[in-house]
């Protein structure tokens, strides 16, 4: 089992990101630890409509700038 530690600030950033897409109720959280230093955590909203196109929108929640 993989574990991801998120701070309150990270959780608030995820909630704020999801709130930007009122037609979506689900956010996908992914973690990439291939750098060997730490994990990059992304939030993605899948299948939202932007300018008439169905798209996936992603945002870095935790990246190397916070290490």
Protein backbone atom coordinates (compact mmCIF):
# COMPACT_ATOMS: atom_id res chain seq x y z
CA UNK A 1 0.00 0.00 0.00
CA UNK A 2 1.27 3.49 -0.85
CA UNK A 3 0.80 6.32 1.58
CA UNK A 4 0.68 10.02 0.81
CA UNK A 5 0.99 12.63 3.52
CA UNK A 6 -0.91 15.85 2.81
CA UNK A 7 -0.93 18.94 4.96
CA UNK A 8 -4.03 20.97 5.72
CA UNK A 9 -2.73 23.51 3.18
CA UNK A 10 -2.50 20.76 0.52
CA UNK A 11 -6.05 19.61 1.25
CA UNK A 12 -7.31 23.19 1.05
CA UNK A 13 -5.55 23.62 -2.31
CA UNK A 14 -7.24 20.46 -3.61
CA UNK A 15 -10.65 21.67 -2.40
CA UNK A 16 -10.13 25.13 -3.95
CA UNK A 17 -9.08 23.50 -7.25
CA UNK A 18 -12.15 21.23 -7.28
CA UNK A 19 -14.41 24.17 -6.40
CA UNK A 20 -13.25 25.83 -9.63
CA UNK A 21 -15.20 23.16 -11.53
CA UNK A 22 -18.74 23.17 -10.08
CA UNK A 23 -19.90 20.51 -12.58
CA UNK A 24 -17.42 17.97 -11.16
CA UNK A 25 -17.70 16.10 -7.85
CA UNK A 26 -14.58 13.93 -8.09
CA UNK A 27 -10.88 14.73 -8.18
CA UNK A 28 -8.13 12.25 -9.08
CA UNK A 29 -4.99 12.50 -6.90
CA UNK A 30 -1.75 11.06 -8.30
CA UNK A 31 1.70 10.83 -6.78
CA UNK A 32 4.99 10.43 -8.65
CA UNK A 33 7.99 9.55 -6.51
CA UNK A 34 10.34 8.60 -9.35
CA UNK A 35 12.69 11.49 -8.58
CA UNK A 36 13.93 9.68 -5.49
CA UNK A 37 13.80 12.90 -3.47
CA UNK A 38 10.11 13.28 -2.74
CA UNK A 39 6.67 12.88 -4.26
CA UNK A 40 4.99 15.22 -6.72
CA UNK A 41 1.27 15.21 -6.00
CA UNK A 42 -1.20 16.30 -8.68
CA UNK A 43 -4.93 16.83 -8.63
CA UNK A 44 -6.87 16.27 -11.86
CA UNK A 45 -10.45 16.92 -12.86
CA UNK A 46 -11.43 14.58 -15.68
CA UNK A 47 -14.09 15.23 -18.29
CA UNK A 48 -14.87 18.87 -17.66
CA UNK A 49 -15.95 21.16 -20.50
CA UNK A 50 -13.71 24.08 -21.50
CA UNK A 51 -14.71 26.12 -24.57
CA UNK A 52 -16.87 23.24 -25.79
CA UNK A 53 -14.09 20.65 -25.42
CA UNK A 54 -14.04 17.76 -22.97
CA UNK A 55 -10.69 18.01 -21.19
CA UNK A 56 -8.69 16.87 -18.18
CA UNK A 57 -7.32 19.72 -16.08
CA UNK A 58 -4.42 19.07 -13.69
CA UNK A 59 -2.71 21.11 -11.00
CA UNK A 60 0.44 20.41 -8.99
CA UNK A 61 -0.46 20.34 -5.30
CA UNK A 62 2.97 19.35 -3.97
CA UNK A 63 6.08 19.80 -6.07
CA UNK A 64 9.80 20.13 -5.58
CA UNK A 65 9.55 23.82 -4.67
CA UNK A 66 8.39 22.83 -1.18
CA UNK A 67 11.20 20.36 -0.43
